[in-house]
Structures are given as structure tokens and as C-alpha cells.
Amino acid sequence: FALEPRPSHTVPMYIIDVLVLLLISVGVSLIAVGLRSRCVALSLAALNLAVVMYEHPMWRMVWLGSDGTWQYTNLKEAQHYLYVELPPGVTWDDLLPWHIVDLHRYFFFQGLSTSGALLLLTLHGPGELAVEDDELLIGEIERAKD
């Protein structure tokens, strides 16, 4: 990854990035130990899905035109979302719009699969080595008695 800042982000975005990183680190630590792992996994899945949808909005970059051909967004608009290091000798001008869309698609589905893994952990629980054995995601709800 490149170490230079994105031109579209300001200082508050970096503060949000650091806070999200800390939140994810605490959540992963709780999952690894097995404390409230189902609840934390569900929260991390929702957070990860929101971050992935914000960072890699591939559906906003390509659409089917009225003439039946695929239309791509402006490359300059699409590249500020992407935060990758280009190979030596390659510039943004060497890339075609579908290259950028494919990178966003790849990163989107990679993040989506991570959210799916966290949802599986939410469903099945952490296993035998967890600190909390009988964690419930939603407690028992009694029916109203008339």
C-alpha cells in the first residue's frame, strides 16, 4: 500500500480510519479470546460491510448504457477511491477504466467474504476453547401473558 495520503481525504477522515482500526483490533482480540465473540463478530461483520461498501463502490462505476454497451465512470473520479501502490513504470494514465472497476470489484468481494466468515462465527459460535461457553446472541424472550 502507498504511504502517501489520498488527495480526497482530509484530516478528520484519518481520525476515523484510526478509530476504525482500533475498534477492529479490540474486536478481533475479543473474538480470539472468546469473550462475547458472537456479539462482537456480528458487530465487526456489519462494520466491515459498511467500510467495504464505502471504500469500493463498484456499482457506481459501471452501468449499462442505453445503446447496450457498458459505460464507465470518469477514471479520475474512480481512482481516488483506490489506495494501492502501482508497479514501477506504471502510471494512472496507463490504466483503462475497467482495470480500476475490476480492482474495486476484487476488493469488494474480498471484504464481503470476510463479513461472511464473521457471520458464520456469529451463527456457530467460537468453539470449545472460548472463555464464555454459553453465550447467547439474543436471550430468551417470554411471550406476553394475557
Foldseek 3Di string as FASTA:
>chain_A
DDPDDQPVDDPVVVVVVVVVVVLVVVLVVCLVQQNLVLQSLLVVLVVLLVVLCVLQVLVVAWDQDPVRDIDGDDLVVLCSSDDDDDPPPDDSVNDDRVVSSVVSVVSSVVSNVSSVVSNVCNVPPSDDNHPDDDDDPDDDDDDDDD
